[in-house]
N, C-alpha and C. Protein backbone atom coordinates (compact mmCIF):
# COMPACT_ATOMS: atom_id res chain seq x y z
N MET A 1 -48.76 -25.54 -53.76
CA MET A 1 -49.60 -26.53 -54.81
C MET A 1 -50.20 -25.71 -56.09
N PRO A 2 -50.32 -25.89 -56.75
CA PRO A 2 -50.18 -25.18 -58.22
C PRO A 2 -52.17 -25.62 -58.71
N SER A 3 -52.68 -24.48 -59.39
CA SER A 3 -53.33 -24.74 -59.51
C SER A 3 -54.30 -25.79 -60.41
N VAL A 4 -55.17 -26.48 -60.66
CA VAL A 4 -54.94 -27.75 -62.23
C VAL A 4 -55.96 -27.09 -63.06
N THR A 5 -55.37 -26.65 -64.37
CA THR A 5 -57.08 -26.51 -65.05
C THR A 5 -57.77 -27.29 -65.36
N LYS A 6 -58.73 -28.34 -65.79
CA LYS A 6 -59.33 -29.62 -66.37
C LYS A 6 -59.62 -28.75 -67.52
N ARG A 7 -59.74 -29.94 -68.04
CA ARG A 7 -59.74 -29.84 -69.70
C ARG A 7 -61.14 -30.27 -69.88
N ALA A 8 -61.77 -30.09 -71.58
CA ALA A 8 -63.33 -30.57 -71.31
C ALA A 8 -63.00 -32.08 -72.13
N PRO A 9 -63.90 -33.00 -71.74
CA PRO A 9 -63.61 -34.19 -71.65
C PRO A 9 -63.53 -33.94 -73.89
N THR A 10 -62.38 -34.49 -74.37
CA THR A 10 -63.09 -34.75 -75.93
C THR A 10 -63.53 -36.59 -76.04
N GLY A 11 -63.89 -36.44 -77.46
CA GLY A 11 -64.35 -37.71 -77.89
C GLY A 11 -65.93 -36.88 -78.57
N ALA A 12 -67.04 -37.32 -77.75
CA ALA A 12 -68.22 -36.79 -78.65
C ALA A 12 -67.54 -35.07 -78.99
N ALA A 13 -68.79 -34.84 -80.17
CA ALA A 13 -68.80 -33.10 -79.93
C ALA A 13 -70.35 -33.59 -79.56
N VAL A 14 -70.53 -32.22 -78.64
CA VAL A 14 -71.52 -31.36 -79.10
C VAL A 14 -72.37 -31.34 -79.27
N LEU A 15 -72.93 -31.03 -79.82
CA LEU A 15 -74.39 -31.00 -81.28
C LEU A 15 -74.92 -29.23 -80.65
N GLN A 16 -74.86 -28.62 -81.64
CA GLN A 16 -75.75 -27.25 -80.92
C GLN A 16 -76.56 -27.40 -81.92
N PRO A 17 -77.65 -26.44 -81.16
CA PRO A 17 -79.04 -27.02 -81.28
C PRO A 17 -78.83 -25.50 -83.23
N HIS A 18 -78.56 -24.28 -83.48
CA HIS A 18 -78.83 -23.81 -83.94
C HIS A 18 -78.33 -24.69 -84.60
N VAL A 19 -77.26 -25.21 -85.45
CA VAL A 19 -76.80 -26.26 -86.30
C VAL A 19 -78.05 -26.94 -86.63
N THR A 20 -78.17 -27.92 -85.70
CA THR A 20 -79.09 -29.02 -85.72
C THR A 20 -80.11 -28.23 -86.50
N ALA A 21 -81.07 -27.56 -86.13
CA ALA A 21 -81.99 -25.81 -87.14
C ALA A 21 -81.84 -26.02 -88.56
N ALA A 22 -80.22 -25.54 -89.05
CA ALA A 22 -80.20 -25.53 -89.85
C ALA A 22 -79.87 -26.48 -90.89
N ILE A 23 -79.89 -27.63 -89.78
CA ILE A 23 -79.51 -28.45 -91.17
C ILE A 23 -81.51 -29.40 -91.03
N SER A 24 -82.29 -29.40 -90.22
CA SER A 24 -83.05 -29.28 -90.67
C SER A 24 -84.13 -28.64 -91.44
N GLU A 25 -84.04 -27.37 -91.69
CA GLU A 25 -84.47 -26.56 -92.29
C GLU A 25 -84.47 -27.02 -94.09
N ALA A 26 -82.61 -27.42 -93.67
CA ALA A 26 -82.25 -27.94 -95.03
C ALA A 26 -83.25 -29.26 -95.95
N VAL A 27 -83.04 -29.72 -94.85
CA VAL A 27 -83.32 -30.81 -95.67
C VAL A 27 -84.56 -31.14 -95.80
N LEU A 28 -85.80 -30.04 -94.83
CA LEU A 28 -87.40 -29.51 -95.11
C LEU A 28 -87.35 -29.06 -97.09
N ASP A 29 -85.67 -28.32 -97.32
CA ASP A 29 -85.70 -27.07 -98.11
C ASP A 29 -85.57 -28.76 -99.48
N GLU A 30 -85.44 -29.89 -99.07
CA GLU A 30 -83.96 -30.03 -99.96
C GLU A 30 -85.13 -31.64 -100.37
N LEU A 31 -85.49 -32.30 -99.65
CA LEU A 31 -87.66 -33.11 -99.71
C LEU A 31 -88.52 -31.91 -100.32
N ALA A 32 -88.53 -30.90 -100.03
CA ALA A 32 -89.70 -29.97 -101.25
C ALA A 32 -89.16 -29.77 -102.34
N SER A 33 -87.70 -30.15 -102.69
CA SER A 33 -87.78 -29.05 -103.68
C SER A 33 -86.77 -30.62 -105.18
N SER A 34 -86.64 -31.48 -104.27
CA SER A 34 -86.18 -32.60 -104.71
C SER A 34 -86.43 -33.92 -104.66
N GLY A 35 -87.61 -33.95 -103.29
CA GLY A 35 -87.64 -35.28 -103.08
C GLY A 35 -87.08 -35.98 -102.42
N TYR A 36 -87.88 -37.44 -102.07
CA TYR A 36 -87.02 -38.20 -101.06
C TYR A 36 -85.64 -39.10 -101.58
N GLY A 37 -86.47 -39.42 -103.29
CA GLY A 37 -85.48 -40.58 -104.20
C GLY A 37 -84.74 -39.83 -103.86
N ARG A 38 -84.00 -38.44 -104.75
CA ARG A 38 -83.04 -37.54 -105.53
C ARG A 38 -82.64 -36.69 -103.70
N LEU A 39 -83.02 -37.00 -102.73
CA LEU A 39 -82.26 -36.03 -101.83
C LEU A 39 -80.89 -37.18 -101.23
N SER A 40 -80.37 -35.87 -100.45
CA SER A 40 -78.50 -37.11 -100.10
C SER A 40 -78.32 -35.86 -99.39
N MET A 41 -77.01 -36.77 -98.14
CA MET A 41 -77.16 -36.08 -97.73
C MET A 41 -75.91 -35.09 -98.50
N GLU A 42 -74.95 -35.30 -99.01
CA GLU A 42 -73.57 -33.99 -99.30
C GLU A 42 -75.20 -33.01 -100.10
N ALA A 43 -75.86 -32.90 -100.39
CA ALA A 43 -77.38 -31.82 -101.46
C ALA A 43 -77.84 -30.89 -99.83
N VAL A 44 -77.77 -31.57 -98.58
CA VAL A 44 -78.64 -30.98 -97.36
C VAL A 44 -77.53 -30.33 -96.86
N ALA A 45 -76.21 -30.95 -96.28
CA ALA A 45 -74.87 -30.67 -95.99
C ALA A 45 -74.52 -29.22 -97.37
N LYS A 46 -74.88 -28.92 -97.91
CA LYS A 46 -74.31 -27.78 -99.01
C LYS A 46 -75.28 -26.87 -98.75
N ARG A 47 -76.70 -27.49 -98.69
CA ARG A 47 -77.67 -26.39 -99.00
C ARG A 47 -77.74 -26.13 -96.68
N ALA A 48 -77.31 -26.67 -95.65
CA ALA A 48 -76.91 -26.10 -94.33
C ALA A 48 -75.66 -25.35 -93.94
N GLY A 49 -74.84 -25.93 -95.05
CA GLY A 49 -72.84 -25.10 -94.78
C GLY A 49 -72.55 -26.07 -94.08
N VAL A 50 -72.89 -26.82 -93.82
CA VAL A 50 -72.14 -27.84 -92.57
C VAL A 50 -71.69 -28.96 -93.28
N GLY A 51 -70.81 -29.64 -92.54
CA GLY A 51 -70.16 -30.83 -93.46
C GLY A 51 -70.72 -31.72 -93.48
N LYS A 52 -70.51 -32.82 -93.56
CA LYS A 52 -71.02 -34.10 -93.90
C LYS A 52 -71.25 -34.72 -92.49
N SER A 53 -70.19 -34.24 -91.82
CA SER A 53 -70.08 -34.66 -90.95
C SER A 53 -70.96 -35.44 -89.66
N ALA A 54 -71.61 -33.33 -89.68
CA ALA A 54 -72.32 -32.87 -89.00
C ALA A 54 -74.01 -33.66 -89.08
N LEU A 55 -74.05 -33.85 -90.29
CA LEU A 55 -75.45 -35.13 -90.41
C LEU A 55 -75.74 -36.27 -89.39
N TYR A 56 -73.89 -36.69 -89.55
CA TYR A 56 -74.41 -38.22 -89.97
C TYR A 56 -73.89 -38.19 -87.77
N ARG A 57 -73.80 -36.71 -87.11
CA ARG A 57 -73.04 -37.23 -85.42
C ARG A 57 -74.51 -37.47 -84.70
N ARG A 58 -75.68 -36.58 -86.01
CA ARG A 58 -76.41 -36.57 -85.18
C ARG A 58 -77.62 -38.03 -85.92
N TRP A 59 -77.63 -38.60 -87.14
CA TRP A 59 -78.58 -39.67 -87.04
C TRP A 59 -77.96 -40.36 -88.80
N PRO A 60 -77.75 -41.54 -88.64
CA PRO A 60 -77.01 -42.60 -88.66
C PRO A 60 -76.75 -42.74 -90.73
N SER A 61 -78.18 -42.14 -91.46
CA SER A 61 -78.85 -42.29 -92.58
C SER A 61 -79.33 -41.36 -93.00
N LYS A 62 -79.62 -41.26 -93.95
CA LYS A 62 -81.07 -40.17 -94.56
C LYS A 62 -82.20 -40.66 -93.74
N GLN A 63 -82.38 -41.99 -94.40
CA GLN A 63 -84.01 -42.06 -93.75
C GLN A 63 -83.99 -41.76 -92.44
N ASP A 64 -83.12 -42.50 -91.22
CA ASP A 64 -83.01 -42.22 -90.34
C ASP A 64 -83.37 -40.10 -89.74
N MET A 65 -82.75 -39.34 -90.73
CA MET A 65 -82.24 -38.09 -90.68
C MET A 65 -84.29 -37.71 -91.19
N VAL A 66 -84.24 -37.61 -92.44
CA VAL A 66 -85.58 -37.56 -92.54
C VAL A 66 -86.48 -37.62 -91.68
N ILE A 67 -86.99 -39.01 -91.28
CA ILE A 67 -88.32 -39.15 -90.10
C ILE A 67 -87.88 -38.54 -88.95
N ALA A 68 -86.91 -37.93 -88.36
CA ALA A 68 -86.35 -37.82 -87.03
C ALA A 68 -86.74 -35.96 -87.07
N VAL A 69 -86.67 -35.11 -88.82
CA VAL A 69 -86.98 -34.18 -89.06
C VAL A 69 -88.42 -33.51 -88.89
N LEU A 70 -88.98 -34.41 -90.15
CA LEU A 70 -90.85 -34.41 -89.77
C LEU A 70 -91.37 -34.82 -88.82
N ALA A 71 -90.74 -35.73 -87.76
CA ALA A 71 -91.30 -36.17 -87.12
C ALA A 71 -91.68 -34.91 -86.00
N GLU A 72 -90.48 -33.89 -86.01
CA GLU A 72 -89.92 -32.53 -84.94
C GLU A 72 -91.53 -32.08 -85.35
N LEU A 73 -91.22 -31.34 -87.10
CA LEU A 73 -92.24 -30.15 -87.58
C LEU A 73 -93.73 -31.25 -87.66
N SER A 74 -93.64 -32.67 -87.60
CA SER A 74 -95.66 -32.51 -86.60
C SER A 74 -95.83 -33.11 -86.45
N VAL A 75 -95.50 -33.98 -85.00
CA VAL A 75 -95.47 -34.20 -84.11
C VAL A 75 -96.57 -33.15 -83.43
N PRO A 76 -95.65 -32.71 -82.98
CA PRO A 76 -95.94 -31.18 -82.08
C PRO A 76 -98.07 -30.95 -83.12
N ALA A 77 -97.80 -31.34 -83.75
CA ALA A 77 -98.97 -29.86 -84.62
C ALA A 77 -100.06 -31.49 -84.32
N ALA A 78 -100.04 -31.81 -83.99
CA ALA A 78 -101.43 -32.83 -83.45
C ALA A 78 -101.71 -32.76 -81.97
N GLU A 79 -100.66 -31.40 -81.42
CA GLU A 79 -101.47 -31.61 -80.27
C GLU A 79 -102.28 -30.52 -79.92
N VAL A 80 -103.88 -30.38 -79.44
CA VAL A 80 -105.18 -29.95 -79.40
C VAL A 80 -105.35 -29.70 -78.01
N PRO A 81 -105.55 -28.21 -77.36
CA PRO A 81 -106.63 -28.07 -76.05
C PRO A 81 -107.46 -29.06 -75.70
N GLN A 82 -107.93 -29.43 -74.58
CA GLN A 82 -108.57 -30.29 -74.07
C GLN A 82 -109.43 -29.15 -73.62
N THR A 83 -110.87 -29.53 -74.53
CA THR A 83 -111.46 -28.26 -73.92
C THR A 83 -112.61 -28.95 -72.66
N GLY A 84 -112.75 -31.21 -73.24
CA GLY A 84 -114.07 -31.31 -72.01
C GLY A 84 -115.31 -31.23 -73.03
N SER A 85 -115.44 -30.60 -73.32
CA SER A 85 -116.10 -31.31 -75.01
C SER A 85 -116.49 -32.03 -75.99
N LEU A 86 -116.53 -33.19 -76.68
CA LEU A 86 -116.50 -34.09 -77.92
C LEU A 86 -116.50 -32.90 -79.15
N ARG A 87 -117.73 -31.75 -78.68
CA ARG A 87 -117.55 -31.51 -79.54
C ARG A 87 -116.52 -30.24 -80.05
N ALA A 88 -116.23 -29.68 -78.87
CA ALA A 88 -114.75 -28.68 -79.85
C ALA A 88 -113.44 -29.22 -79.98
N ASP A 89 -113.88 -30.54 -78.98
CA ASP A 89 -112.26 -31.45 -79.18
C ASP A 89 -112.03 -31.44 -80.28
N LEU A 90 -112.95 -32.39 -81.15
CA LEU A 90 -113.23 -32.77 -82.50
C LEU A 90 -112.79 -31.70 -83.64
N ARG A 91 -113.15 -30.59 -83.26
CA ARG A 91 -112.84 -29.68 -83.69
C ARG A 91 -111.62 -29.01 -83.92
N ALA A 92 -111.36 -29.45 -82.69
CA ALA A 92 -109.77 -28.62 -82.71
C ALA A 92 -109.26 -29.39 -83.66
N MET A 93 -109.34 -30.89 -83.11
CA MET A 93 -108.68 -31.90 -83.97
C MET A 93 -108.37 -31.88 -85.46
N LEU A 94 -109.58 -31.49 -85.39
CA LEU A 94 -110.07 -31.52 -87.41
C LEU A 94 -109.26 -29.87 -87.90
N GLN A 95 -109.11 -28.77 -87.12
CA GLN A 95 -108.22 -27.42 -87.43
C GLN A 95 -106.85 -28.13 -87.57
N ALA A 96 -106.74 -29.10 -86.60
CA ALA A 96 -104.61 -29.31 -86.60
C ALA A 96 -104.79 -30.02 -87.63
N VAL A 97 -105.57 -30.18 -87.92
CA VAL A 97 -105.09 -31.55 -89.74
C VAL A 97 -104.88 -31.28 -89.87
N HIS A 98 -106.37 -30.15 -90.35
CA HIS A 98 -106.38 -29.06 -91.30
C HIS A 98 -104.46 -29.21 -91.45
N ASP A 99 -104.60 -27.57 -90.97
CA ASP A 99 -103.43 -27.05 -90.59
C ASP A 99 -101.86 -27.37 -91.14
N TRP A 100 -102.24 -29.09 -90.77
CA TRP A 100 -101.07 -30.06 -90.59
C TRP A 100 -99.93 -30.40 -91.87
N LEU A 101 -101.74 -30.75 -92.56
CA LEU A 101 -102.17 -30.16 -93.83
C LEU A 101 -101.65 -29.80 -95.48
N THR A 102 -101.79 -28.37 -94.34
CA THR A 102 -101.49 -27.48 -95.05
C THR A 102 -100.78 -26.84 -95.23
N HIS A 103 -99.48 -27.12 -94.59
CA HIS A 103 -98.13 -25.79 -93.94
C HIS A 103 -97.72 -26.09 -94.82
N HIS A 104 -97.48 -25.31 -95.51
CA HIS A 104 -96.29 -25.33 -96.82
C HIS A 104 -94.60 -26.26 -97.43
N ARG A 105 -95.07 -26.75 -96.19
CA ARG A 105 -94.05 -27.65 -95.67
C ARG A 105 -94.16 -29.15 -95.79
N ILE A 106 -95.20 -29.38 -95.11
CA ILE A 106 -95.99 -30.51 -95.71
C ILE A 106 -96.60 -30.76 -97.10
N ALA A 107 -97.45 -29.98 -97.21
CA ALA A 107 -98.06 -29.57 -98.60
C ALA A 107 -96.89 -30.14 -99.85
N ALA A 108 -95.85 -29.97 -99.37
CA ALA A 108 -94.78 -29.58 -100.66
C ALA A 108 -94.27 -31.02 -100.13
N ILE A 109 -94.19 -31.80 -99.45
CA ILE A 109 -93.26 -33.08 -99.40
C ILE A 109 -94.55 -34.31 -99.14
N LEU A 110 -95.71 -34.05 -98.50
CA LEU A 110 -96.33 -35.68 -98.57
C LEU A 110 -96.27 -35.92 -99.40
N PRO A 111 -96.76 -35.43 -100.57
CA PRO A 111 -97.83 -36.48 -102.28
C PRO A 111 -95.97 -37.26 -102.33
N ASP A 112 -95.09 -36.58 -102.36
CA ASP A 112 -94.03 -37.20 -102.50
C ASP A 112 -93.72 -38.52 -101.44
N LEU A 113 -93.50 -38.26 -100.67
CA LEU A 113 -93.55 -39.43 -99.05
C LEU A 113 -94.41 -40.68 -99.48
N ILE A 114 -95.44 -40.18 -99.58
CA ILE A 114 -96.27 -41.36 -100.01
C ILE A 114 -96.77 -42.26 -101.24
N ALA A 115 -96.13 -41.41 -102.08
CA ALA A 115 -95.35 -42.07 -103.62
C ALA A 115 -93.98 -42.86 -103.13
N GLU A 116 -93.26 -42.36 -102.40
CA GLU A 116 -91.94 -42.76 -102.46
C GLU A 116 -92.17 -43.76 -101.06
N GLY A 117 -92.59 -43.86 -100.34
CA GLY A 117 -93.37 -45.01 -99.37
C GLY A 117 -93.89 -46.19 -100.39
N GLY A 118 -95.00 -45.69 -100.69
CA GLY A 118 -95.25 -47.00 -102.60
C GLY A 118 -94.23 -47.80 -103.22
N ARG A 119 -92.91 -47.51 -102.71
CA ARG A 119 -91.84 -47.87 -103.53
C ARG A 119 -90.64 -48.84 -102.93
N ASN A 120 -90.63 -48.33 -101.11
CA ASN A 120 -90.29 -48.43 -100.65
C ASN A 120 -90.22 -48.58 -98.82
N SER A 121 -91.15 -49.85 -98.52
CA SER A 121 -91.63 -49.98 -97.67
C SER A 121 -91.25 -49.92 -96.40
N ALA A 122 -89.84 -50.04 -96.53
CA ALA A 122 -88.91 -49.30 -94.74
C ALA A 122 -89.59 -48.20 -94.35
N LEU A 123 -88.96 -47.28 -95.76
CA LEU A 123 -89.63 -45.41 -95.35
C LEU A 123 -90.60 -45.54 -95.06
N SER A 124 -91.90 -46.29 -95.53
CA SER A 124 -93.48 -45.88 -95.36
C SER A 124 -92.98 -46.50 -94.10
N ASP A 125 -93.11 -47.86 -93.36
CA ASP A 125 -92.65 -48.23 -92.03
C ASP A 125 -92.15 -47.26 -91.22
N ALA A 126 -91.38 -47.24 -91.90
CA ALA A 126 -90.30 -45.57 -90.89
C ALA A 126 -91.29 -44.53 -90.38
N ILE A 127 -91.90 -43.77 -91.69
CA ILE A 127 -92.54 -42.71 -91.46
C ILE A 127 -94.17 -42.77 -90.18
N ALA A 128 -94.80 -44.38 -90.94
CA ALA A 128 -95.47 -45.05 -89.71
C ALA A 128 -95.11 -44.60 -88.20
N ILE A 129 -93.74 -45.44 -87.79
CA ILE A 129 -93.29 -45.23 -86.71
C ILE A 129 -93.42 -44.04 -86.08
N GLY A 130 -92.44 -43.62 -87.25
CA GLY A 130 -92.68 -42.16 -86.29
C GLY A 130 -93.05 -40.98 -85.94
N VAL A 131 -93.51 -40.73 -87.53
CA VAL A 131 -94.68 -39.76 -87.52
C VAL A 131 -96.18 -40.03 -87.66
N GLY A 132 -96.21 -41.08 -87.76
CA GLY A 132 -97.96 -40.74 -87.70
C GLY A 132 -97.70 -41.82 -86.42
N GLN A 133 -97.97 -42.70 -85.58
CA GLN A 133 -98.17 -43.03 -84.47
C GLN A 133 -97.85 -42.13 -83.61
N PRO A 134 -97.15 -41.30 -83.53
CA PRO A 134 -97.29 -40.51 -82.31
C PRO A 134 -97.98 -39.16 -82.49
N ARG A 135 -98.37 -39.13 -83.82
CA ARG A 135 -100.09 -38.84 -84.04
C ARG A 135 -101.47 -39.05 -83.90
N ARG A 136 -100.89 -40.09 -84.10
CA ARG A 136 -102.14 -41.53 -82.96
C ARG A 136 -102.64 -41.79 -81.97
N ASP A 137 -100.75 -41.04 -81.50
CA ASP A 137 -100.87 -41.52 -79.43
C ASP A 137 -101.49 -40.14 -78.92
N ILE A 138 -101.30 -39.10 -80.14
CA ILE A 138 -101.78 -38.09 -79.49
C ILE A 138 -103.32 -37.98 -79.16
N ALA A 139 -104.35 -37.95 -80.66
CA ALA A 139 -105.17 -38.21 -80.74
C ALA A 139 -106.23 -38.90 -80.30
N SER A 140 -105.92 -40.29 -80.55
CA SER A 140 -106.62 -40.96 -79.35
C SER A 140 -106.68 -40.57 -77.56
N VAL A 141 -106.05 -39.89 -77.39
CA VAL A 141 -106.27 -39.13 -75.92
C VAL A 141 -107.85 -38.68 -75.66
N THR A 142 -107.44 -37.53 -76.82
CA THR A 142 -108.68 -37.15 -76.94
C THR A 142 -110.20 -37.50 -76.85
N LEU A 143 -109.78 -38.80 -77.68
CA LEU A 143 -111.25 -39.82 -77.74
C LEU A 143 -110.99 -40.36 -76.90
N THR A 144 -110.19 -40.79 -76.01
CA THR A 144 -110.63 -41.89 -74.46
C THR A 144 -111.08 -40.97 -73.65
N ARG A 145 -110.79 -40.07 -73.73
CA ARG A 145 -111.33 -38.81 -72.52
C ARG A 145 -113.12 -38.59 -72.41
N ALA A 146 -113.09 -38.49 -73.73
CA ALA A 146 -114.35 -38.79 -74.08
C ALA A 146 -115.31 -39.78 -73.85
N VAL A 147 -114.98 -41.44 -74.31
CA VAL A 147 -115.41 -42.20 -73.91
C VAL A 147 -115.47 -41.88 -72.37
N GLU A 148 -115.27 -42.09 -71.32
CA GLU A 148 -114.26 -41.33 -69.56
C GLU A 148 -115.41 -40.89 -69.73
N ARG A 149 -116.34 -39.90 -69.91
CA ARG A 149 -116.39 -38.28 -69.70
C ARG A 149 -118.19 -38.99 -70.09
N GLY A 150 -118.20 -40.32 -71.34
CA GLY A 150 -118.90 -40.91 -71.70
C GLY A 150 -120.24 -40.14 -72.83
N GLU A 151 -119.01 -39.54 -73.64
CA GLU A 151 -120.32 -38.82 -74.81
C GLU A 151 -119.34 -39.72 -75.74
N LEU A 152 -119.24 -40.60 -75.24
CA LEU A 152 -118.16 -41.61 -76.75
C LEU A 152 -118.82 -43.10 -76.27
N PRO A 153 -119.19 -44.32 -77.36
CA PRO A 153 -119.57 -45.44 -76.63
C PRO A 153 -118.51 -45.71 -76.23
N ALA A 154 -118.89 -47.05 -75.02
CA ALA A 154 -117.76 -47.57 -74.07
C ALA A 154 -117.30 -48.81 -75.04
N ASP A 155 -117.17 -49.25 -76.30
CA ASP A 155 -117.11 -50.40 -77.29
C ASP A 155 -116.34 -48.96 -78.33
N LEU A 156 -115.89 -47.97 -78.46
CA LEU A 156 -115.13 -47.40 -79.71
C LEU A 156 -114.34 -48.11 -79.99
N ASN A 157 -114.08 -48.33 -81.65
CA ASN A 157 -113.05 -48.86 -81.95
C ASN A 157 -111.87 -47.33 -82.45
N VAL A 158 -110.82 -46.93 -81.33
CA VAL A 158 -110.29 -45.96 -80.78
C VAL A 158 -109.33 -45.37 -83.18
N ASP A 159 -109.41 -47.52 -82.98
CA ASP A 159 -108.51 -47.13 -84.58
C ASP A 159 -109.67 -46.31 -85.66
N VAL A 160 -110.06 -46.84 -85.67
CA VAL A 160 -111.02 -46.92 -87.44
C VAL A 160 -111.96 -45.04 -86.89
N ALA A 161 -111.68 -44.98 -85.29
CA ALA A 161 -111.99 -43.35 -85.16
C ALA A 161 -111.33 -42.72 -85.76
N LEU A 162 -109.66 -42.62 -85.95
CA LEU A 162 -108.68 -41.68 -85.78
C LEU A 162 -108.50 -41.89 -87.65
N ASP A 163 -108.82 -43.02 -88.60
CA ASP A 163 -108.94 -42.79 -89.51
C ASP A 163 -110.31 -41.56 -90.38
N VAL A 164 -111.70 -42.82 -89.02
CA VAL A 164 -112.50 -41.17 -89.69
C VAL A 164 -112.40 -39.99 -90.00
N LEU A 165 -111.36 -39.56 -88.74
CA LEU A 165 -111.74 -38.01 -88.28
C LEU A 165 -110.11 -37.47 -89.57
N ALA A 166 -109.67 -38.33 -89.75
CA ALA A 166 -108.80 -37.82 -90.84
C ALA A 166 -108.63 -38.24 -92.31
N GLY A 167 -109.57 -38.57 -92.68
CA GLY A 167 -109.33 -38.99 -93.87
C GLY A 167 -110.74 -38.40 -94.88
N PRO A 168 -111.26 -38.03 -94.22
CA PRO A 168 -112.27 -37.13 -94.74
C PRO A 168 -110.87 -35.29 -95.39
N ILE A 169 -109.78 -34.75 -94.92
CA ILE A 169 -109.68 -34.36 -94.83
C ILE A 169 -108.54 -34.63 -95.95
N TYR A 170 -107.84 -35.50 -95.34
CA TYR A 170 -106.86 -35.73 -96.04
C TYR A 170 -107.42 -36.03 -97.93
N TRP A 171 -108.62 -36.63 -98.41
CA TRP A 171 -109.22 -36.87 -99.13
C TRP A 171 -109.61 -35.39 -99.72
N ARG A 172 -110.11 -34.73 -99.52
CA ARG A 172 -110.79 -33.16 -99.94
C ARG A 172 -109.40 -32.35 -100.24
N LEU A 173 -108.46 -32.99 -99.22
CA LEU A 173 -107.03 -31.64 -99.67
C LEU A 173 -105.98 -31.92 -101.09
N VAL A 174 -106.01 -33.73 -100.69
CA VAL A 174 -104.38 -34.28 -100.81
C VAL A 174 -104.95 -34.83 -102.47
N VAL A 175 -106.03 -35.75 -102.65
CA VAL A 175 -106.55 -35.86 -103.80
C VAL A 175 -107.51 -35.50 -104.31
N ARG A 176 -108.45 -35.08 -103.92
CA ARG A 176 -109.55 -34.24 -104.56
C ARG A 176 -109.11 -32.88 -104.69
N ARG A 177 -108.39 -31.80 -104.06
CA ARG A 177 -107.68 -30.88 -104.43
C ARG A 177 -109.24 -29.57 -104.40
N ALA A 178 -109.46 -29.68 -103.41
CA ALA A 178 -110.94 -29.03 -102.98
C ALA A 178 -110.76 -28.20 -102.07
N PRO A 179 -111.44 -26.97 -101.64
CA PRO A 179 -111.10 -25.94 -100.76
C PRO A 179 -111.19 -27.16 -99.55
N VAL A 180 -110.95 -26.74 -98.05
CA VAL A 180 -111.49 -26.99 -96.88
C VAL A 180 -112.10 -25.85 -95.64
N ASP A 181 -113.01 -25.14 -96.26
CA ASP A 181 -113.26 -23.97 -95.17
C ASP A 181 -113.52 -24.30 -93.45
N GLU A 182 -113.55 -23.29 -93.30
CA GLU A 182 -114.62 -23.52 -91.58
C GLU A 182 -116.05 -24.02 -91.98
N ALA A 183 -117.00 -23.97 -92.84
CA ALA A 183 -118.19 -24.32 -92.48
C ALA A 183 -118.28 -25.68 -93.13
N TYR A 184 -116.58 -25.77 -93.83
CA TYR A 184 -116.88 -27.45 -94.04
C TYR A 184 -115.96 -28.26 -92.52
N LEU A 185 -115.48 -27.15 -91.87
CA LEU A 185 -115.05 -28.00 -90.56
C LEU A 185 -116.26 -28.51 -90.01
N ASP A 186 -116.77 -27.34 -89.61
CA ASP A 186 -117.74 -27.62 -88.02
C ASP A 186 -118.57 -28.50 -89.39
N GLU A 187 -119.09 -28.12 -90.40
CA GLU A 187 -120.14 -29.42 -91.09
C GLU A 187 -120.18 -30.78 -90.76
N LEU A 188 -118.56 -30.52 -90.54
CA LEU A 188 -117.37 -31.88 -91.08
C LEU A 188 -117.77 -32.66 -89.50
N THR A 189 -116.88 -32.09 -88.20
CA THR A 189 -118.00 -31.93 -87.13
C THR A 189 -118.92 -32.47 -86.47
N GLU A 190 -120.33 -31.83 -87.12
CA GLU A 190 -121.40 -32.46 -86.74
C GLU A 190 -121.82 -33.32 -87.30
N PHE A 191 -121.24 -33.83 -88.19
CA PHE A 191 -121.49 -35.22 -88.58
C PHE A 191 -120.91 -36.33 -87.95
N LEU A 192 -119.80 -35.99 -87.65
CA LEU A 192 -118.35 -37.17 -86.95
C LEU A 192 -118.93 -37.18 -85.22
N LEU A 193 -119.88 -35.79 -84.88
CA LEU A 193 -120.70 -36.13 -83.64
C LEU A 193 -121.48 -36.93 -84.15
N ARG A 194 -122.57 -37.35 -84.85
CA ARG A 194 -123.29 -38.75 -85.12
C ARG A 194 -122.34 -39.41 -85.73
N SER A 195 -121.56 -39.86 -86.12
CA SER A 195 -120.74 -40.96 -86.79
C SER A 195 -120.51 -41.51 -85.22
N LEU A 196 -119.28 -41.29 -84.78
CA LEU A 196 -119.00 -41.61 -83.65
C LEU A 196 -119.73 -42.23 -82.44
N GLY A 197 -121.11 -41.19 -82.51
CA GLY A 197 -121.69 -41.80 -81.30
C GLY A 197 -122.90 -42.45 -81.65
């Protein structure tokens, strides 16, 4: 009986990681150069050297594409090593916020996205759900562990505490355009220890 060679099934295309990576880079480049409002699937495809169909195989819309790419860059950046010490954990969290906000991609993209979100509530909601909340979920674990160790009060409002952690660095870097150095982060850590405890 002759052997039969099985053909690979046809239908759904296999998404090649190197193509996805090239598209993600193109999305970030287009966001930085054109902004969200003028970003188009055509421009991203051209920059990535692929057809538009390669984008639509991955994401159903421009918004979904942008949120996915931003989440891939931003959410892992919220991860910090757990030191077992509230002071060291806070300092690491502040450093992570600083590093994220000063990342060359985020620094170029974030102001435009915030402005666009003010005009486009669907985009604002998608960023909050796809990027902001996962970052907050990661950070809340650190604060919850500090509560469990008795380093923070049991009735700590974690939601407010997370705002207080990120707010000063955002305000200083993005709104005031003032420098944030190691001494500032150290001082902010001590201030937060007194405020949260």
